[in-house]
């Protein structure tokens, strides 16, 4: 693979994180950065700095540009980059409204440039493992997802662009799209409806919001996001309820997950053979306690007769004879996993550039789907 020259537009905290992570990659070098505060950065002989991003995209040697600016600017910058013959990696959200997102996709199609959204969760090995096991049917049908995200606002003063819906779109659009996309990635289904509720701290700060979403097949999801608590209480949990499994992921960048699943010999082997899994217990179903009926509850004469290795859920019959509990856990710290994810995201872009038949893991269409849900729920919340 040849060496690719990378430009970064927007050099805040995440832009710097990308730079540091990508510096550790072979065949990659960050050679140009644009930021309004570029004059205040420590300059390097190997990196050119610009205060005007339009100067950066005119550089003939830049191959890929990462767009890490305010969401409202994504359409303008992404289209200009692709029109200038540059491949792009766009930080979420794809845009703050559907029309802008569709314009970006149309520009990609017209120019033939490689363009992706930086949905790094798709490159998290834990998320990828759960998606794989879901597709294999190990957990049965996914019926319910509950996301609870408590974030600090100590670094977001009232005048920050984050609070301005004309610049960020609001919490669901700017932030929750990551988690909405996790649902779409793990268990794709057609959207039926999305509704929302919100709370305003004051007329300028919309600090709590919730989206309730229904998909075809009966998947219900809830996304609650709060930017209103001290950093000491910052936490994220993602609960996945399947027909025959409960999974709870922990962390904004999920590093571990508790799992409780009904298994047979084949599905048990698929889980136990994974190096990320640590078993806690394996209990035969006939020895397990069923809390759905109090002690002494009689069996109805209309109860269905089932085999001892069959479990009914959601109108389906699953073969299972044991209950397996345990933990999936990634090695490494949050920062290490996060850095690996952004490196994998860029590597995916480079693979597509070198091989047009390569299938991107986070195409722009995934950004549009997530945005559609966020926009519907945001509009509902603001109009109720």
Protein backbone atom coordinates (compact mmCIF):
# COMPACT_ATOMS: atom_id res chain seq x y z
CA UNK A 1 0.00 0.00 0.00
CA UNK A 2 1.26 3.45 -0.88
CA UNK A 3 1.55 6.27 1.65
CA UNK A 4 -1.61 8.38 1.94
CA UNK A 5 -1.48 12.05 2.89
CA UNK A 6 -4.25 13.07 5.29
CA UNK A 7 -5.71 16.50 5.98
CA UNK A 8 -7.78 17.38 9.04
CA UNK A 9 -10.29 20.24 9.01
CA UNK A 10 -11.19 21.15 12.57
CA UNK A 11 -8.50 20.71 15.22
CA UNK A 12 -10.37 20.63 18.50
CA UNK A 13 -10.10 17.78 20.98
CA UNK A 14 -11.28 15.08 18.58
CA UNK A 15 -9.21 16.42 15.69
CA UNK A 16 -6.09 16.18 17.86
CA UNK A 17 -7.11 12.67 18.96
CA UNK A 18 -7.39 11.57 15.33
CA UNK A 19 -3.98 13.07 14.57
CA UNK A 20 -2.29 11.22 17.44
CA UNK A 21 -4.00 7.92 16.61
CA UNK A 22 -3.29 8.08 12.89
CA UNK A 23 0.36 8.96 13.49
CA UNK A 24 0.80 5.36 14.64
CA UNK A 25 -0.40 3.89 11.33
CA UNK A 26 1.80 2.63 8.53
CA UNK A 27 1.19 4.16 5.10
CA UNK A 28 -0.47 7.21 6.64
CA UNK A 29 0.81 10.69 7.38
CA UNK A 30 -1.13 13.75 8.50
CA UNK A 31 0.39 16.53 6.41
CA UNK A 32 -2.11 19.41 6.66
CA UNK A 33 -4.43 20.84 9.32
CA UNK A 34 -6.98 23.64 9.14
CA UNK A 35 -8.47 25.39 12.14
CA UNK A 36 -9.54 28.94 12.96
CA UNK A 37 -7.02 28.87 15.83
CA UNK A 38 -4.19 27.37 13.77
CA UNK A 39 -1.86 30.28 14.57
CA UNK A 40 -1.88 29.29 18.26
CA UNK A 41 -0.76 25.68 17.71
CA UNK A 42 2.80 24.43 17.89
CA UNK A 43 3.72 23.97 14.25
CA UNK A 44 5.68 21.05 12.87
CA UNK A 45 7.94 20.95 9.85
CA UNK A 46 6.00 17.95 8.58
CA UNK A 47 2.52 19.51 8.91
CA UNK A 48 1.14 22.59 7.16
CA UNK A 49 -1.36 24.68 9.13
CA UNK A 50 -4.12 26.87 7.68
CA UNK A 51 -6.79 29.07 9.20
CA UNK A 52 -8.87 28.76 6.01
CA UNK A 53 -9.93 25.21 5.13
CA UNK A 54 -10.35 26.21 1.48
CA UNK A 55 -6.58 26.53 1.22
CA UNK A 56 -6.10 23.01 2.55
CA UNK A 57 -8.37 21.35 0.01
CA UNK A 58 -6.42 23.00 -2.83
CA UNK A 59 -3.25 21.11 -1.90
CA UNK A 60 -2.59 18.63 -4.72
CA UNK A 61 -0.87 16.01 -2.53
CA UNK A 62 -3.74 15.51 -0.03
CA UNK A 63 -5.60 12.22 -0.55
CA UNK A 64 -8.14 12.07 2.29
CA UNK A 65 -9.66 14.83 4.41
CA UNK A 66 -11.24 14.30 7.81
CA UNK A 67 -14.03 16.81 8.48
CA UNK A 68 -14.20 17.43 12.23
CA UNK A 69 -16.11 20.71 12.33
CA UNK A 70 -19.50 21.87 13.61
CA UNK A 71 -22.30 19.71 12.16
CA UNK A 72 -23.94 22.60 10.31
CA UNK A 73 -20.77 23.00 8.18
CA UNK A 74 -20.49 19.38 7.06
CA UNK A 75 -22.42 19.75 3.82
CA UNK A 76 -20.51 22.78 2.61
CA UNK A 77 -17.07 21.39 3.44
CA UNK A 78 -17.72 17.80 2.33
CA UNK A 79 -19.04 18.89 -1.06
CA UNK A 80 -16.12 21.27 -1.59
CA UNK A 81 -13.63 18.53 -0.69
CA UNK A 82 -15.16 15.99 -3.07
CA UNK A 83 -15.47 18.55 -5.85
CA UNK A 84 -11.73 19.17 -5.36
CA UNK A 85 -11.03 15.46 -5.85
CA UNK A 86 -10.52 14.54 -2.19
CA UNK A 87 -11.87 11.50 -0.39
CA UNK A 88 -13.63 12.36 2.87
CA UNK A 89 -14.25 10.96 6.34
CA UNK A 90 -17.04 12.96 7.97
CA UNK A 91 -17.49 13.13 11.74
CA UNK A 92 -21.04 12.39 12.90
CA UNK A 93 -23.67 13.55 12.27
CA UNK A 94 -23.62 13.46 8.49
CA UNK A 95 -25.54 16.77 8.54
CA UNK A 96 -28.16 18.48 10.70
CA UNK A 97 -31.06 17.87 8.30
CA UNK A 98 -32.07 15.29 5.71
CA UNK A 99 -31.77 17.58 2.68
CA UNK A 100 -28.12 18.41 3.45
CA UNK A 101 -27.29 14.75 4.04
CA UNK A 102 -28.83 13.77 0.71
CA UNK A 103 -26.82 16.49 -1.04
CA UNK A 104 -23.60 15.04 0.37
CA UNK A 105 -24.53 11.57 -0.89
CA UNK A 106 -25.45 12.97 -4.30
CA UNK A 107 -22.09 14.75 -4.51
CA UNK A 108 -20.28 11.51 -3.67
CA UNK A 109 -22.14 9.74 -6.48
CA UNK A 110 -21.36 12.49 -8.97
CA UNK A 111 -17.67 12.84 -8.12
CA UNK A 112 -16.90 9.17 -7.50
CA UNK A 113 -14.98 10.00 -4.33
CA UNK A 114 -14.86 7.63 -1.36
CA UNK A 115 -16.91 9.13 1.46
CA UNK A 116 -17.80 7.65 4.86
CA UNK A 117 -19.22 8.75 8.18
CA UNK A 118 -17.07 8.24 11.25
CA UNK A 119 -19.33 5.75 13.01
CA UNK A 120 -16.49 4.33 15.07
CA UNK A 121 -18.82 2.08 17.09
CA UNK A 122 -19.02 -0.19 14.04
CA UNK A 123 -15.28 -0.81 14.41
CA UNK A 124 -15.50 -1.68 18.12
CA UNK A 125 -14.69 -5.44 18.40
CA UNK A 126 -17.33 -5.88 21.12
CA UNK A 127 -20.11 -4.34 19.01
CA UNK A 128 -18.92 -6.31 16.00
CA UNK A 129 -19.00 -9.57 17.99
CA UNK A 130 -22.57 -8.96 19.20
CA UNK A 131 -23.65 -8.11 15.66
CA UNK A 132 -22.09 -11.35 14.37
CA UNK A 133 -23.75 -13.52 17.02
CA UNK A 134 -27.06 -11.74 16.40
CA UNK A 135 -26.87 -12.50 12.67
CA UNK A 136 -26.10 -16.14 13.50
CA UNK A 137 -29.29 -16.32 15.59
CA UNK A 138 -27.48 -17.18 18.82
CA UNK A 139 -29.62 -14.75 20.86
CA UNK A 140 -32.88 -15.04 18.96
CA UNK A 141 -34.77 -11.99 17.71
CA UNK A 142 -33.87 -8.58 19.13
CA UNK A 143 -37.03 -7.06 20.64
CA UNK A 144 -35.91 -4.11 22.78
CA UNK A 145 -32.96 -1.71 23.13
CA UNK A 146 -32.65 0.79 25.97
CA UNK A 147 -29.85 3.37 25.86
CA UNK A 148 -29.15 5.55 28.91
CA UNK A 149 -26.40 8.14 28.44
CA UNK A 150 -25.45 10.62 31.17
CA UNK A 151 -22.82 13.12 30.03
CA UNK A 152 -21.16 16.09 31.72
CA UNK A 153 -21.60 19.64 30.47
CA UNK A 154 -18.69 21.21 32.37
CA UNK A 155 -16.81 21.77 29.10
CA UNK A 156 -19.89 23.09 27.32
CA UNK A 157 -20.52 26.68 28.47
CA UNK A 158 -23.88 28.22 27.53
CA UNK A 159 -22.36 30.01 24.52
CA UNK A 160 -20.89 26.78 23.05
CA UNK A 161 -22.13 25.82 19.57
CA UNK A 162 -23.34 22.49 21.00
CA UNK A 163 -26.40 24.21 22.50
CA UNK A 164 -27.37 26.04 19.28
CA UNK A 165 -29.75 23.83 17.25
CA UNK A 166 -28.90 25.76 14.09
CA UNK A 167 -25.28 24.67 14.49
CA UNK A 168 -25.49 21.26 16.16
CA UNK A 169 -29.02 20.10 15.45
CA UNK A 170 -29.50 19.23 19.12
CA UNK A 171 -28.46 16.30 21.29
CA UNK A 172 -30.17 13.51 19.32
CA UNK A 173 -28.73 14.74 16.03
CA UNK A 174 -25.26 15.70 17.24
CA UNK A 175 -24.70 12.92 19.75
CA UNK A 176 -27.31 10.14 19.82
CA UNK A 177 -26.84 9.18 16.17
CA UNK A 178 -23.90 7.00 17.31
CA UNK A 179 -26.22 4.88 19.46
CA UNK A 180 -29.08 4.88 16.97
CA UNK A 181 -26.62 3.50 14.45
CA UNK A 182 -25.54 0.72 16.83
CA UNK A 183 -29.13 -0.55 16.70
CA UNK A 184 -29.17 -0.35 12.90
CA UNK A 185 -25.80 -2.13 12.72
CA UNK A 186 -26.69 -4.97 15.10
CA UNK A 187 -30.22 -5.63 13.83
CA UNK A 188 -31.28 -3.75 10.67
CA UNK A 189 -35.00 -3.14 10.36
CA UNK A 190 -37.23 -0.63 8.59
CA UNK A 191 -38.27 2.39 10.63
CA UNK A 192 -41.97 2.62 11.49
CA UNK A 193 -42.17 5.65 13.81
CA UNK A 194 -40.07 7.86 16.10
CA UNK A 195 -41.29 10.20 18.82
CA UNK A 196 -39.48 12.31 21.37
CA UNK A 197 -39.66 14.27 24.62
CA UNK A 198 -37.26 16.89 25.93
CA UNK A 199 -36.45 19.24 28.79
CA UNK A 200 -35.02 22.75 28.47
CA UNK A 201 -32.81 24.03 31.27
CA UNK A 202 -33.46 27.50 29.89
CA UNK A 203 -34.44 28.94 26.47
CA UNK A 204 -30.88 28.42 25.18
CA UNK A 205 -30.04 24.97 26.59
CA UNK A 206 -31.98 21.85 25.67
CA UNK A 207 -30.17 19.49 28.06
CA UNK A 208 -32.29 16.30 28.27
CA UNK A 209 -34.02 14.47 25.44
CA UNK A 210 -35.51 11.06 24.76
CA UNK A 211 -36.40 9.21 21.56
CA UNK A 212 -38.85 6.31 21.40
CA UNK A 213 -38.54 4.36 18.16
CA UNK A 214 -40.44 1.46 16.59
CA UNK A 215 -39.11 -0.72 13.76
CA UNK A 216 -40.78 -3.35 11.62
CA UNK A 217 -40.82 -6.75 13.30
CA UNK A 218 -41.56 -5.29 16.73
CA UNK A 219 -38.22 -3.84 17.78
CA UNK A 220 -38.76 -1.01 20.29
CA UNK A 221 -35.85 1.27 21.21
CA UNK A 222 -35.44 4.12 23.67
CA UNK A 223 -32.57 6.62 23.65
CA UNK A 224 -32.25 8.88 26.69
CA UNK A 225 -29.43 11.46 26.65
CA UNK A 226 -28.62 13.97 29.36
CA UNK A 227 -25.94 16.65 29.32
CA UNK A 228 -26.69 17.88 32.81
CA UNK A 229 -24.59 16.06 35.41
CA UNK A 230 -21.04 16.28 36.82
CA UNK A 231 -18.37 14.23 35.10
CA UNK A 232 -18.19 11.97 38.17
CA UNK A 233 -21.58 10.52 37.18
CA UNK A 234 -20.90 10.23 33.46
CA UNK A 235 -22.05 6.79 32.33
CA UNK A 236 -23.60 4.89 29.44
CA UNK A 237 -25.49 1.61 29.44
CA UNK A 238 -27.02 -0.15 26.45
CA UNK A 239 -29.48 -2.94 27.25
CA UNK A 240 -30.34 -5.42 24.51
CA UNK A 241 -33.31 -7.73 25.12
CA UNK A 242 -33.57 -10.67 22.73
CA UNK A 243 -36.00 -13.58 22.72
CA UNK A 244 -33.53 -15.77 24.62
CA UNK A 245 -30.83 -13.37 25.83
CA UNK A 246 -30.25 -10.24 27.87
CA UNK A 247 -27.09 -8.23 27.18
CA UNK A 248 -25.98 -5.06 28.95
CA UNK A 249 -23.09 -3.06 27.50
CA UNK A 250 -21.18 -0.53 29.57
CA UNK A 251 -19.37 2.65 28.57
CA UNK A 252 -19.69 5.29 25.87
CA UNK A 253 -17.02 3.29 24.11
CA UNK A 254 -18.33 -0.11 25.26
CA UNK A 255 -15.52 -2.16 26.81
CA UNK A 256 -17.51 -4.94 28.46
CA UNK A 257 -20.95 -6.52 28.51
CA UNK A 258 -22.86 -8.85 30.84
CA UNK A 259 -24.77 -11.62 29.12
CA UNK A 260 -27.49 -14.06 30.21
CA UNK A 261 -28.57 -16.43 27.43
CA UNK A 262 -30.44 -19.69 26.89
CA UNK A 263 -28.24 -22.03 24.86
CA UNK A 264 -27.99 -25.41 23.21
CA UNK A 265 -24.73 -27.19 22.40
CA UNK A 266 -24.15 -25.28 19.16
CA UNK A 267 -24.92 -21.78 20.46
CA UNK A 268 -23.03 -22.44 23.70
CA UNK A 269 -19.94 -23.39 21.70
CA UNK A 270 -20.21 -20.20 19.61
CA UNK A 271 -20.03 -18.12 22.79
CA UNK A 272 -17.56 -20.15 24.86
CA UNK A 273 -15.08 -20.37 21.99
CA UNK A 274 -14.75 -16.59 21.79
CA UNK A 275 -11.62 -15.31 23.57
CA UNK A 276 -13.48 -12.21 24.82
CA UNK A 277 -15.93 -14.30 26.84
CA UNK A 278 -15.52 -15.34 30.47
CA UNK A 279 -18.14 -17.74 31.79
CA UNK A 280 -19.73 -17.21 35.18
CA UNK A 281 -22.21 -20.09 35.30
CA UNK A 282 -23.89 -22.75 33.19
CA UNK A 283 -27.15 -24.11 34.65
CA UNK A 284 -29.44 -26.75 33.11
CA UNK A 285 -32.87 -25.25 32.41
CA UNK A 286 -34.57 -27.99 34.44
CA UNK A 287 -32.59 -26.86 37.50
CA UNK A 288 -33.13 -23.13 36.95
CA UNK A 289 -35.69 -21.04 38.81
CA UNK A 290 -38.55 -19.58 36.77
CA UNK A 291 -39.66 -16.39 38.55
CA UNK A 292 -42.69 -15.90 36.28
CA UNK A 293 -44.91 -17.93 38.61
CA UNK A 294 -44.98 -17.88 42.43
CA UNK A 295 -44.41 -21.12 44.30
CA UNK A 296 -47.46 -23.38 44.21
CA UNK A 297 -48.90 -21.80 41.08
CA UNK A 298 -50.89 -24.45 39.26
CA UNK A 299 -50.37 -25.39 35.64
CA UNK A 300 -53.25 -24.25 33.44
CA UNK A 301 -55.11 -26.93 31.53
CA UNK A 302 -54.59 -24.82 28.42
CA UNK A 303 -50.80 -24.70 28.82
CA UNK A 304 -48.93 -25.89 25.75
CA UNK A 305 -46.95 -29.09 26.07
CA UNK A 306 -43.29 -28.53 25.21
CA UNK A 307 -40.21 -30.68 25.07
CA UNK A 308 -37.69 -30.15 27.84
CA UNK A 309 -35.18 -28.68 25.36
CA UNK A 310 -37.60 -26.22 23.78
CA UNK A 311 -38.25 -22.62 24.82
CA UNK A 312 -41.04 -20.44 23.44
CA UNK A 313 -40.48 -16.70 23.01
CA UNK A 314 -42.09 -14.13 20.78
CA UNK A 315 -44.20 -16.80 19.16
CA UNK A 316 -41.09 -18.74 18.14
CA UNK A 317 -39.64 -22.00 19.40
CA UNK A 318 -35.93 -22.17 20.29
CA UNK A 319 -33.83 -25.22 21.10
CA UNK A 320 -32.17 -24.61 24.48
CA UNK A 321 -31.32 -26.74 27.50
CA UNK A 322 -29.00 -24.52 29.59
CA UNK A 323 -28.70 -20.97 30.86
CA UNK A 324 -25.26 -19.42 30.32
CA UNK A 325 -24.14 -16.28 32.13
CA UNK A 326 -20.86 -14.44 31.79
CA UNK A 327 -19.04 -11.37 30.48
CA UNK A 328 -17.59 -10.20 27.19
CA UNK A 329 -14.63 -7.92 27.91
CA UNK A 330 -12.19 -6.11 25.63
CA UNK A 331 -8.51 -5.92 26.60
CA UNK A 332 -7.03 -2.44 26.86
CA UNK A 333 -8.19 0.93 28.13
CA UNK A 334 -10.95 3.14 26.77
CA UNK A 335 -8.36 5.34 25.06
CA UNK A 336 -6.64 2.36 23.44
CA UNK A 337 -9.90 0.88 22.14
CA UNK A 338 -11.06 4.31 20.94
CA UNK A 339 -7.77 4.88 19.09
CA UNK A 340 -7.97 1.43 17.47
CA UNK A 341 -11.49 2.23 16.29
CA UNK A 342 -10.52 5.49 14.58
CA UNK A 343 -7.53 3.78 12.97
CA UNK A 344 -9.80 1.03 11.64
CA UNK A 345 -12.23 3.65 10.34
CA UNK A 346 -9.51 5.35 8.31
CA UNK A 347 -8.08 1.99 7.16
CA UNK A 348 -11.54 1.14 5.79
CA UNK A 349 -11.46 4.30 3.67
CA UNK A 350 -7.98 3.51 2.35
CA UNK A 351 -9.03 -0.05 1.46
CA UNK A 352 -11.91 1.33 -0.60
CA UNK A 353 -9.60 3.78 -2.39
CA UNK A 354 -7.25 0.95 -3.36
CA UNK A 355 -9.97 -1.58 -4.16
CA UNK A 356 -13.28 -0.23 -5.42
CA UNK A 357 -14.98 -3.58 -4.76
CA UNK A 358 -14.26 -3.27 -1.03
CA UNK A 359 -17.50 -2.90 0.96
CA UNK A 360 -17.35 0.01 3.39
CA UNK A 361 -18.42 -0.68 6.96
CA UNK A 362 -19.78 2.84 7.57
CA UNK A 363 -21.12 4.22 4.27
CA UNK A 364 -22.89 7.56 4.09
CA UNK A 365 -26.23 5.77 3.85
CA UNK A 366 -25.80 4.56 7.44
CA UNK A 367 -25.38 8.19 8.48
CA UNK A 368 -28.57 9.14 6.66
CA UNK A 369 -30.59 6.34 8.31
CA UNK A 370 -29.46 7.33 11.78
CA UNK A 371 -30.11 10.99 11.05
CA UNK A 372 -33.65 10.26 9.87
CA UNK A 373 -34.53 8.76 13.25
CA UNK A 374 -32.85 11.60 15.16
CA UNK A 375 -34.60 14.30 13.13
CA UNK A 376 -38.06 12.72 13.51
CA UNK A 377 -37.67 12.33 17.27
CA UNK A 378 -36.21 15.82 17.68
CA UNK A 379 -39.05 17.42 15.72
CA UNK A 380 -41.57 15.45 17.77
CA UNK A 381 -39.95 16.56 21.05
CA UNK A 382 -39.92 20.21 20.06
CA UNK A 383 -43.52 20.18 18.86
CA UNK A 384 -45.16 18.32 21.74
